[in-house]
Amino acid sequence: MNKSYALIAIATFAAIASTGVRAESPAPSSQFAIQIEGNRTRAEVASEAVAAVKNYNHIPSGSKVIAPLKSDVTTAIVRAQAAQALRLGQIPSGELSL
């Protein structure tokens, strides 16, 4: 019985002590009474919102694929140049490329 009373007393003390720690000074009332004066009407704002929804594009601009570039160089020429650069040591290969 004494252990349960001790646990209840400790829990009560901890609850009371923690409420004092969380207490904050009240915020000034002017913080919540901010009013903004605008020069646009509600209809103008609503029409802008409707236009934004109509023109919304769900595809991010960074994920679009660009058109392929036109080139006169064939794949065989590029592969030959890469092989030659590799033989001359201009391109690292294997563990050297790390």
PDB file of N, CA and C in Angstrom:
ATOM      1  N   MET A   1       0.814  -1.179   0.000  1.00  0.00           N
ATOM      2  CA  MET A   1       0.000   0.000   0.000  1.00  0.00           C
ATOM      3  C   MET A   1       0.870   1.260   0.000  1.00  0.00           C
ATOM      4  N   ASN A   2       1.924   1.238   0.789  1.00  0.00           N
ATOM      5  CA  ASN A   2       2.781   2.411   0.873  1.00  0.00           C
ATOM      6  C   ASN A   2       3.451   2.718  -0.466  1.00  0.00           C
ATOM      7  N   LYS A   3       3.770   1.669  -1.241  1.00  0.00           N
ATOM      8  CA  LYS A   3       4.410   1.879  -2.540  1.00  0.00           C
ATOM      9  C   LYS A   3       3.444   2.562  -3.504  1.00  0.00           C
ATOM     10  N   SER A   4       2.191   2.166  -3.476  1.00  0.00           N
ATOM     11  CA  SER A   4       1.226   2.780  -4.394  1.00  0.00           C
ATOM     12  C   SER A   4       0.985   4.239  -4.021  1.00  0.00           C
ATOM     13  N   TYR A   5       0.952   4.542  -2.713  1.00  0.00           N
ATOM     14  CA  TYR A   5       0.792   5.943  -2.293  1.00  0.00           C
ATOM     15  C   TYR A   5       2.007   6.775  -2.697  1.00  0.00           C
ATOM     16  N   ALA A   6       3.177   6.165  -2.595  1.00  0.00           N
ATOM     17  CA  ALA A   6       4.397   6.873  -2.979  1.00  0.00           C
ATOM     18  C   ALA A   6       4.392   7.148  -4.487  1.00  0.00           C
ATOM     19  N   LEU A   7       3.967   6.168  -5.284  1.00  0.00           N
ATOM     20  CA  LEU A   7       3.894   6.371  -6.725  1.00  0.00           C
ATOM     21  C   LEU A   7       2.876   7.456  -7.080  1.00  0.00           C
ATOM     22  N   ILE A   8       1.755   7.455  -6.409  1.00  0.00           N
ATOM     23  CA  ILE A   8       0.739   8.479  -6.670  1.00  0.00           C
ATOM     24  C   ILE A   8       1.271   9.859  -6.281  1.00  0.00           C
ATOM     25  N   ALA A   9       1.977   9.939  -5.186  1.00  0.00           N
ATOM     26  CA  ALA A   9       2.526  11.211  -4.739  1.00  0.00           C
ATOM     27  C   ALA A   9       3.583  11.720  -5.723  1.00  0.00           C
ATOM     28  N   ILE A  10       4.425  10.825  -6.208  1.00  0.00           N
ATOM     29  CA  ILE A  10       5.463  11.217  -7.163  1.00  0.00           C
ATOM     30  C   ILE A  10       4.834  11.669  -8.478  1.00  0.00           C
ATOM     31  N   ALA A  11       3.829  10.932  -8.954  1.00  0.00           N
ATOM     32  CA  ALA A  11       3.158  11.299 -10.204  1.00  0.00           C
ATOM     33  C   ALA A  11       2.450  12.640 -10.065  1.00  0.00           C
ATOM     34  N   THR A  12       1.830  12.889  -8.909  1.00  0.00           N
ATOM     35  CA  THR A  12       1.152  14.158  -8.687  1.00  0.00           C
ATOM     36  C   THR A  12       2.152  15.305  -8.656  1.00  0.00           C
ATOM     37  N   PHE A  13       3.246  15.099  -7.957  1.00  0.00           N
ATOM     38  CA  PHE A  13       4.274  16.136  -7.895  1.00  0.00           C
ATOM     39  C   PHE A  13       4.847  16.430  -9.279  1.00  0.00           C
ATOM     40  N   ALA A  14       5.097  15.374 -10.074  1.00  0.00           N
ATOM     41  CA  ALA A  14       5.639  15.564 -11.416  1.00  0.00           C
ATOM     42  C   ALA A  14       4.654  16.324 -12.301  1.00  0.00           C
ATOM     43  N   ALA A  15       3.364  16.027 -12.170  1.00  0.00           N
ATOM     44  CA  ALA A  15       2.358  16.723 -12.973  1.00  0.00           C
ATOM     45  C   ALA A  15       2.286  18.198 -12.593  1.00  0.00           C
ATOM     46  N   ILE A  16       2.335  18.482 -11.314  1.00  0.00           N
ATOM     47  CA  ILE A  16       2.270  19.878 -10.861  1.00  0.00           C
ATOM     48  C   ILE A  16       3.530  20.632 -11.276  1.00  0.00           C
ATOM     49  N   ALA A  17       4.675  19.990 -11.142  1.00  0.00           N
ATOM     50  CA  ALA A  17       5.931  20.648 -11.499  1.00  0.00           C
ATOM     51  C   ALA A  17       6.016  20.912 -13.001  1.00  0.00           C
ATOM     52  N   SER A  18       5.489  20.006 -13.820  1.00  0.00           N
ATOM     53  CA  SER A  18       5.595  20.198 -15.261  1.00  0.00           C
ATOM     54  C   SER A  18       4.661  21.295 -15.763  1.00  0.00           C
ATOM     55  N   THR A  19       3.557  21.551 -15.081  1.00  0.00           N
ATOM     56  CA  THR A  19       2.672  22.631 -15.526  1.00  0.00           C
ATOM     57  C   THR A  19       3.323  23.984 -15.306  1.00  0.00           C
ATOM     58  N   GLY A  20       4.118  24.125 -14.296  1.00  0.00           N
ATOM     59  CA  GLY A  20       4.815  25.378 -14.054  1.00  0.00           C
ATOM     60  C   GLY A  20       5.875  25.638 -15.104  1.00  0.00           C
ATOM     61  N   VAL A  21       6.485  24.605 -15.633  1.00  0.00           N
ATOM     62  CA  VAL A  21       7.516  24.749 -16.637  1.00  0.00           C
ATOM     63  C   VAL A  21       6.900  25.188 -17.959  1.00  0.00           C
ATOM     64  N   ARG A  22       5.719  24.686 -18.289  1.00  0.00           N
ATOM     65  CA  ARG A  22       5.092  24.987 -19.567  1.00  0.00           C
ATOM     66  C   ARG A  22       4.384  26.328 -19.592  1.00  0.00           C
ATOM     67  N   ALA A  23       4.186  26.930 -18.450  1.00  0.00           N
ATOM     68  CA  ALA A  23       3.444  28.190 -18.409  1.00  0.00           C
ATOM     69  C   ALA A  23       4.225  29.270 -19.136  1.00  0.00           C
ATOM     70  N   GLU A  24       3.533  30.034 -19.978  1.00  0.00           N
ATOM     71  CA  GLU A  24       4.157  31.108 -20.726  1.00  0.00           C
ATOM     72  C   GLU A  24       3.435  32.404 -20.423  1.00  0.00           C
ATOM     73  N   SER A  25       4.134  33.483 -20.665  1.00  0.00           N
ATOM     74  CA  SER A  25       3.473  34.762 -20.473  1.00  0.00           C
ATOM     75  C   SER A  25       2.462  34.947 -21.589  1.00  0.00           C
ATOM     76  N   PRO A  26       1.351  35.568 -21.309  1.00  0.00           N
ATOM     77  CA  PRO A  26       0.338  35.737 -22.348  1.00  0.00           C
ATOM     78  C   PRO A  26       0.838  36.644 -23.461  1.00  0.00           C
ATOM     79  N   ALA A  27       0.438  36.319 -24.694  1.00  0.00           N
ATOM     80  CA  ALA A  27       0.849  37.107 -25.842  1.00  0.00           C
ATOM     81  C   ALA A  27       0.104  38.428 -25.846  1.00  0.00           C
ATOM     82  N   PRO A  28       0.713  39.462 -26.365  1.00  0.00           N
ATOM     83  CA  PRO A  28       0.005  40.742 -26.428  1.00  0.00           C
ATOM     84  C   PRO A  28      -1.234  40.619 -27.314  1.00  0.00           C
ATOM     85  N   SER A  29      -2.279  41.293 -26.911  1.00  0.00           N
ATOM     86  CA  SER A  29      -3.537  41.163 -27.638  1.00  0.00           C
ATOM     87  C   SER A  29      -3.464  41.788 -29.025  1.00  0.00           C
ATOM     88  N   SER A  30      -2.539  42.707 -29.242  1.00  0.00           N
ATOM     89  CA  SER A  30      -2.430  43.336 -30.553  1.00  0.00           C
ATOM     90  C   SER A  30      -1.925  42.357 -31.611  1.00  0.00           C
ATOM     91  N   GLN A  31      -1.278  41.270 -31.180  1.00  0.00           N
ATOM     92  CA  GLN A  31      -0.763  40.286 -32.117  1.00  0.00           C
ATOM     93  C   GLN A  31      -1.902  39.610 -32.868  1.00  0.00           C
ATOM     94  N   PHE A  32      -3.033  39.428 -32.219  1.00  0.00           N
ATOM     95  CA  PHE A  32      -4.137  38.718 -32.837  1.00  0.00           C
ATOM     96  C   PHE A  32      -5.124  39.655 -33.510  1.00  0.00           C
ATOM     97  N   ALA A  33      -4.935  40.938 -33.410  1.00  0.00           N
ATOM     98  CA  ALA A  33      -5.883  41.898 -33.961  1.00  0.00           C
ATOM     99  C   ALA A  33      -5.322  42.612 -35.181  1.00  0.00           C
ATOM    100  N   ILE A  34      -4.414  41.946 -35.903  1.00  0.00           N
ATOM    101  CA  ILE A  34      -3.821  42.573 -37.074  1.00  0.00           C
ATOM    102  C   ILE A  34      -4.847  42.578 -38.201  1.00  0.00           C
ATOM    103  N   GLN A  35      -5.060  43.733 -38.787  1.00  0.00           N
ATOM    104  CA  GLN A  35      -5.950  43.841 -39.931  1.00  0.00           C
ATOM    105  C   GLN A  35      -5.166  44.431 -41.093  1.00  0.00           C
ATOM    106  N   ILE A  36      -5.390  43.869 -42.256  1.00  0.00           N
ATOM    107  CA  ILE A  36      -4.676  44.319 -43.442  1.00  0.00           C
ATOM    108  C   ILE A  36      -5.651  45.045 -44.344  1.00  0.00           C
ATOM    109  N   GLU A  37      -5.249  46.221 -44.747  1.00  0.00           N
ATOM    110  CA  GLU A  37      -6.073  47.008 -45.661  1.00  0.00           C
ATOM    111  C   GLU A  37      -5.550  46.782 -47.073  1.00  0.00           C
ATOM    112  N   GLY A  38      -6.385  46.234 -47.942  1.00  0.00           N
ATOM    113  CA  GLY A  38      -5.992  45.990 -49.317  1.00  0.00           C
ATOM    114  C   GLY A  38      -6.732  46.919 -50.260  1.00  0.00           C
ATOM    115  N   ASN A  39      -6.188  47.079 -51.464  1.00  0.00           N
ATOM    116  CA  ASN A  39      -6.838  47.957 -52.423  1.00  0.00           C
ATOM    117  C   ASN A  39      -7.510  47.173 -53.540  1.00  0.00           C
ATOM    118  N   ARG A  40      -7.520  45.839 -53.450  1.00  0.00           N
ATOM    119  CA  ARG A  40      -8.193  45.022 -54.457  1.00  0.00           C
ATOM    120  C   ARG A  40      -9.511  44.509 -53.900  1.00  0.00           C
ATOM    121  N   THR A  41     -10.452  44.311 -54.794  1.00  0.00           N
ATOM    122  CA  THR A  41     -11.760  43.830 -54.361  1.00  0.00           C
ATOM    123  C   THR A  41     -11.740  42.313 -54.240  1.00  0.00           C
ATOM    124  N   ARG A  42     -12.743  41.798 -53.576  1.00  0.00           N
ATOM    125  CA  ARG A  42     -12.873  40.357 -53.406  1.00  0.00           C
ATOM    126  C   ARG A  42     -13.060  39.679 -54.763  1.00  0.00           C
ATOM    127  N   ALA A  43     -13.770  40.324 -55.690  1.00  0.00           N
ATOM    128  CA  ALA A  43     -14.004  39.757 -57.015  1.00  0.00           C
ATOM    129  C   ALA A  43     -12.702  39.642 -57.809  1.00  0.00           C
ATOM    130  N   GLU A  44     -11.802  40.621 -57.677  1.00  0.00           N
ATOM    131  CA  GLU A  44     -10.515  40.554 -58.370  1.00  0.00           C
ATOM    132  C   GLU A  44      -9.681  39.385 -57.871  1.00  0.00           C
ATOM    133  N   VAL A  45      -9.653  39.206 -56.579  1.00  0.00           N
ATOM    134  CA  VAL A  45      -8.872  38.112 -55.994  1.00  0.00           C
ATOM    135  C   VAL A  45      -9.466  36.775 -56.403  1.00  0.00           C
ATOM    136  N   ALA A  46     -10.803  36.681 -56.396  1.00  0.00           N
ATOM    137  CA  ALA A  46     -11.455  35.427 -56.782  1.00  0.00           C
ATOM    138  C   ALA A  46     -11.193  35.107 -58.252  1.00  0.00           C
ATOM    139  N   SER A  47     -11.208  36.117 -59.129  1.00  0.00           N
ATOM    140  CA  SER A  47     -10.950  35.854 -60.544  1.00  0.00           C
ATOM    141  C   SER A  47      -9.504  35.414 -60.768  1.00  0.00           C
ATOM    142  N   GLU A  48      -8.561  35.960 -60.010  1.00  0.00           N
ATOM    143  CA  GLU A  48      -7.172  35.507 -60.105  1.00  0.00           C
ATOM    144  C   GLU A  48      -7.040  34.061 -59.653  1.00  0.00           C
ATOM    145  N   ALA A  49      -7.765  33.688 -58.625  1.00  0.00           N
ATOM    146  CA  ALA A  49      -7.715  32.313 -58.136  1.00  0.00           C
ATOM    147  C   ALA A  49      -8.278  31.349 -59.174  1.00  0.00           C
ATOM    148  N   VAL A  50      -9.374  31.726 -59.820  1.00  0.00           N
ATOM    149  CA  VAL A  50      -9.963  30.874 -60.856  1.00  0.00           C
ATOM    150  C   VAL A  50      -8.999  30.734 -62.030  1.00  0.00           C
ATOM    151  N   ALA A  51      -8.357  31.827 -62.436  1.00  0.00           N
ATOM    152  CA  ALA A  51      -7.398  31.778 -63.541  1.00  0.00           C
ATOM    153  C   ALA A  51      -6.195  30.901 -63.190  1.00  0.00           C
ATOM    154  N   ALA A  52      -5.748  30.962 -61.951  1.00  0.00           N
ATOM    155  CA  ALA A  52      -4.611  30.143 -61.534  1.00  0.00           C
ATOM    156  C   ALA A  52      -4.964  28.667 -61.572  1.00  0.00           C
ATOM    157  N   VAL A  53      -6.184  28.325 -61.187  1.00  0.00           N
ATOM    158  CA  VAL A  53      -6.601  26.928 -61.213  1.00  0.00           C
ATOM    159  C   VAL A  53      -6.733  26.443 -62.656  1.00  0.00           C
ATOM    160  N   LYS A  54      -7.252  27.269 -63.537  1.00  0.00           N
ATOM    161  CA  LYS A  54      -7.398  26.871 -64.948  1.00  0.00           C
ATOM    162  C   LYS A  54      -6.039  26.681 -65.617  1.00  0.00           C
ATOM    163  N   ASN A  55      -5.056  27.480 -65.266  1.00  0.00           N
ATOM    164  CA  ASN A  55      -3.739  27.426 -65.893  1.00  0.00           C
ATOM    165  C   ASN A  55      -2.746  26.539 -65.146  1.00  0.00           C
ATOM    166  N   TYR A  56      -3.200  25.796 -64.141  1.00  0.00           N
ATOM    167  CA  TYR A  56      -2.307  24.979 -63.328  1.00  0.00           C
ATOM    168  C   TYR A  56      -1.727  23.843 -64.161  1.00  0.00           C
ATOM    169  N   ASN A  57      -0.436  23.624 -64.038  1.00  0.00           N
ATOM    170  CA  ASN A  57       0.244  22.541 -64.726  1.00  0.00           C
ATOM    171  C   ASN A  57       0.838  21.625 -63.671  1.00  0.00           C
ATOM    172  N   HIS A  58       0.392  20.378 -63.623  1.00  0.00           N
ATOM    173  CA  HIS A  58       0.840  19.458 -62.580  1.00  0.00           C
ATOM    174  C   HIS A  58       2.212  18.853 -62.854  1.00  0.00           C
ATOM    175  N   ILE A  59       2.767  19.102 -64.036  1.00  0.00           N
ATOM    176  CA  ILE A  59       4.088  18.574 -64.368  1.00  0.00           C
ATOM    177  C   ILE A  59       5.136  19.613 -63.981  1.00  0.00           C
ATOM    178  N   PRO A  60       6.072  19.263 -63.096  1.00  0.00           N
ATOM    179  CA  PRO A  60       7.123  20.221 -62.731  1.00  0.00           C
ATOM    180  C   PRO A  60       7.976  20.580 -63.938  1.00  0.00           C
ATOM    181  N   SER A  61       8.416  21.819 -64.005  1.00  0.00           N
ATOM    182  CA  SER A  61       9.171  22.275 -65.167  1.00  0.00           C
ATOM    183  C   SER A  61      10.516  21.562 -65.286  1.00  0.00           C
ATOM    184  N   GLY A  62      11.076  21.086 -64.193  1.00  0.00           N
ATOM    185  CA  GLY A  62      12.360  20.398 -64.244  1.00  0.00           C
ATOM    186  C   GLY A  62      12.280  18.973 -64.761  1.00  0.00           C
ATOM    187  N   SER A  63      11.071  18.425 -64.909  1.00  0.00           N
ATOM    188  CA  SER A  63      10.957  17.046 -65.340  1.00  0.00           C
ATOM    189  C   SER A  63      10.599  16.917 -66.812  1.00  0.00           C
ATOM    190  N   LYS A  64      10.575  18.008 -67.529  1.00  0.00           N
ATOM    191  CA  LYS A  64      10.252  17.955 -68.947  1.00  0.00           C
ATOM    192  C   LYS A  64      11.474  17.501 -69.739  1.00  0.00           C
ATOM    193  N   VAL A  65      11.247  16.748 -70.793  1.00  0.00           N
ATOM    194  CA  VAL A  65      12.318  16.243 -71.630  1.00  0.00           C
ATOM    195  C   VAL A  65      12.550  17.240 -72.759  1.00  0.00           C
ATOM    196  N   ILE A  66      13.807  17.589 -72.964  1.00  0.00           N
ATOM    197  CA  ILE A  66      14.114  18.533 -74.040  1.00  0.00           C
ATOM    198  C   ILE A  66      14.175  17.782 -75.373  1.00  0.00           C
ATOM    199  N   ALA A  67      13.984  18.498 -76.441  1.00  0.00           N
ATOM    200  CA  ALA A  67      14.037  17.904 -77.770  1.00  0.00           C
ATOM    201  C   ALA A  67      15.468  17.497 -78.085  1.00  0.00           C
ATOM    202  N   PRO A  68      15.647  16.371 -78.795  1.00  0.00           N
ATOM    203  CA  PRO A  68      17.011  15.953 -79.136  1.00  0.00           C
ATOM    204  C   PRO A  68      17.675  16.953 -80.074  1.00  0.00           C
ATOM    205  N   LEU A  69      18.970  17.106 -79.908  1.00  0.00           N
ATOM    206  CA  LEU A  69      19.725  18.036 -80.739  1.00  0.00           C
ATOM    207  C   LEU A  69      20.074  17.387 -82.073  1.00  0.00           C
ATOM    208  N   LYS A  70      20.071  18.173 -83.115  1.00  0.00           N
ATOM    209  CA  LYS A  70      20.448  17.681 -84.435  1.00  0.00           C
ATOM    210  C   LYS A  70      21.975  17.648 -84.520  1.00  0.00           C
ATOM    211  N   SER A  71      22.517  16.550 -84.996  1.00  0.00           N
ATOM    212  CA  SER A  71      23.964  16.402 -85.087  1.00  0.00           C
ATOM    213  C   SER A  71      24.324  15.650 -86.367  1.00  0.00           C
ATOM    214  N   ASP A  72      25.453  16.002 -86.941  1.00  0.00           N
ATOM    215  CA  ASP A  72      25.944  15.317 -88.137  1.00  0.00           C
ATOM    216  C   ASP A  72      26.897  14.181 -87.781  1.00  0.00           C
ATOM    217  N   VAL A  73      27.254  14.060 -86.511  1.00  0.00           N
ATOM    218  CA  VAL A  73      28.206  13.041 -86.070  1.00  0.00           C
ATOM    219  C   VAL A  73      27.444  11.737 -85.837  1.00  0.00           C
ATOM    220  N   THR A  74      27.957  10.644 -86.397  1.00  0.00           N
ATOM    221  CA  THR A  74      27.306   9.350 -86.226  1.00  0.00           C
ATOM    222  C   THR A  74      27.780   8.681 -84.931  1.00  0.00           C
ATOM    223  N   THR A  75      27.064   7.656 -84.545  1.00  0.00           N
ATOM    224  CA  THR A  75      27.405   6.923 -83.328  1.00  0.00           C
ATOM    225  C   THR A  75      28.757   6.240 -83.480  1.00  0.00           C
ATOM    226  N   ALA A  76      29.040   5.729 -84.649  1.00  0.00           N
ATOM    227  CA  ALA A  76      30.316   5.037 -84.887  1.00  0.00           C
ATOM    228  C   ALA A  76      31.500   5.978 -84.701  1.00  0.00           C
ATOM    229  N   ILE A  77      31.378   7.217 -85.155  1.00  0.00           N
ATOM    230  CA  ILE A  77      32.469   8.186 -84.996  1.00  0.00           C
ATOM    231  C   ILE A  77      32.693   8.509 -83.524  1.00  0.00           C
ATOM    232  N   VAL A  78      31.619   8.690 -82.777  1.00  0.00           N
ATOM    233  CA  VAL A  78      31.737   9.006 -81.350  1.00  0.00           C
ATOM    234  C   VAL A  78      32.380   7.846 -80.608  1.00  0.00           C
ATOM    235  N   ARG A  79      31.994   6.606 -80.924  1.00  0.00           N
ATOM    236  CA  ARG A  79      32.593   5.441 -80.265  1.00  0.00           C
ATOM    237  C   ARG A  79      34.076   5.317 -80.601  1.00  0.00           C
ATOM    238  N   ALA A  80      34.436   5.592 -81.844  1.00  0.00           N
ATOM    239  CA  ALA A  80      35.845   5.523 -82.242  1.00  0.00           C
ATOM    240  C   ALA A  80      36.665   6.583 -81.511  1.00  0.00           C
ATOM    241  N   GLN A  81      36.130   7.780 -81.395  1.00  0.00           N
ATOM    242  CA  GLN A  81      36.836   8.841 -80.672  1.00  0.00           C
ATOM    243  C   GLN A  81      36.979   8.488 -79.189  1.00  0.00           C
ATOM    244  N   ALA A  82      35.963   7.876 -78.599  1.00  0.00           N
ATOM    245  CA  ALA A  82      36.034   7.484 -77.189  1.00  0.00           C
ATOM    246  C   ALA A  82      37.074   6.396 -76.988  1.00  0.00           C
ATOM    247  N   ALA A  83      37.124   5.426 -77.895  1.00  0.00           N
ATOM    248  CA  ALA A  83      38.117   4.357 -77.784  1.00  0.00           C
ATOM    249  C   ALA A  83      39.529   4.911 -77.920  1.00  0.00           C
ATOM    250  N   GLN A  84      39.722   5.842 -78.834  1.00  0.00           N
ATOM    251  CA  GLN A  84      41.043   6.436 -79.021  1.00  0.00           C
ATOM    252  C   GLN A  84      41.446   7.249 -77.781  1.00  0.00           C
ATOM    253  N   ALA A  85      40.525   8.012 -77.211  1.00  0.00           N
ATOM    254  CA  ALA A  85      40.827   8.784 -76.008  1.00  0.00           C
ATOM    255  C   ALA A  85      41.151   7.866 -74.844  1.00  0.00           C
ATOM    256  N   LEU A  86      40.488   6.720 -74.766  1.00  0.00           N
ATOM    257  CA  LEU A  86      40.767   5.758 -73.708  1.00  0.00           C
ATOM    258  C   LEU A  86      42.163   5.173 -73.875  1.00  0.00           C
ATOM    259  N   ARG A  87      42.542   4.836 -75.118  1.00  0.00           N
ATOM    260  CA  ARG A  87      43.889   4.289 -75.375  1.00  0.00           C
ATOM    261  C   ARG A  87      44.980   5.303 -75.062  1.00  0.00           C
ATOM    262  N   LEU A  88      44.719   6.594 -75.324  1.00  0.00           N
ATOM    263  CA  LEU A  88      45.717   7.629 -75.072  1.00  0.00           C
ATOM    264  C   LEU A  88      45.755   8.064 -73.601  1.00  0.00           C
ATOM    265  N   GLY A  89      44.850   7.536 -72.780  1.00  0.00           N
ATOM    266  CA  GLY A  89      44.826   7.872 -71.368  1.00  0.00           C
ATOM    267  C   GLY A  89      44.130   9.192 -71.055  1.00  0.00           C
ATOM    268  N   GLN A  90      43.361   9.704 -71.982  1.00  0.00           N
ATOM    269  CA  GLN A  90      42.643  10.960 -71.750  1.00  0.00           C
ATOM    270  C   GLN A  90      41.369  10.757 -70.952  1.00  0.00           C
ATOM    271  N   ILE A  91      40.890   9.522 -70.923  1.00  0.00           N
ATOM    272  CA  ILE A  91      39.671   9.173 -70.167  1.00  0.00           C
ATOM    273  C   ILE A  91      40.067   8.148 -69.123  1.00  0.00           C
ATOM    274  N   PRO A  92      39.798   8.373 -67.846  1.00  0.00           N
ATOM    275  CA  PRO A  92      40.118   7.357 -66.844  1.00  0.00           C
ATOM    276  C   PRO A  92      39.176   6.168 -66.985  1.00  0.00           C
ATOM    277  N   SER A  93      39.700   4.996 -66.652  1.00  0.00           N
ATOM    278  CA  SER A  93      38.879   3.791 -66.721  1.00  0.00           C
ATOM    279  C   SER A  93      39.176   2.908 -65.534  1.00  0.00           C
ATOM    280  N   GLY A  94      38.261   1.982 -65.287  1.00  0.00           N
ATOM    281  CA  GLY A  94      38.434   1.055 -64.171  1.00  0.00           C
ATOM    282  C   GLY A  94      38.408   1.765 -62.840  1.00  0.00           C
ATOM    283  N   GLU A  95      39.311   1.369 -61.935  1.00  0.00           N
ATOM    284  CA  GLU A  95      39.339   1.947 -60.600  1.00  0.00           C
ATOM    285  C   GLU A  95      39.911   3.362 -60.599  1.00  0.00           C
ATOM    286  N   LEU A  96      40.578   3.741 -61.675  1.00  0.00           N
ATOM    287  CA  LEU A  96      41.112   5.097 -61.768  1.00  0.00           C
ATOM    288  C   LEU A  96      40.011   6.129 -61.918  1.00  0.00           C
ATOM    289  N   SER A  97      38.850   5.690 -62.406  1.00  0.00           N
ATOM    290  CA  SER A  97      37.764   6.652 -62.632  1.00  0.00           C
ATOM    291  C   SER A  97      37.076   7.064 -61.338  1.00  0.00           C
ATOM    292  N   LEU A  98      37.364   6.386 -60.249  1.00  0.00           N
ATOM    293  CA  LEU A  98      36.746   6.750 -58.979  1.00  0.00           C
ATOM    294  C   LEU A  98      37.423   7.935 -58.460  1.00  0.00           C
TER     295      LEU A  98
END
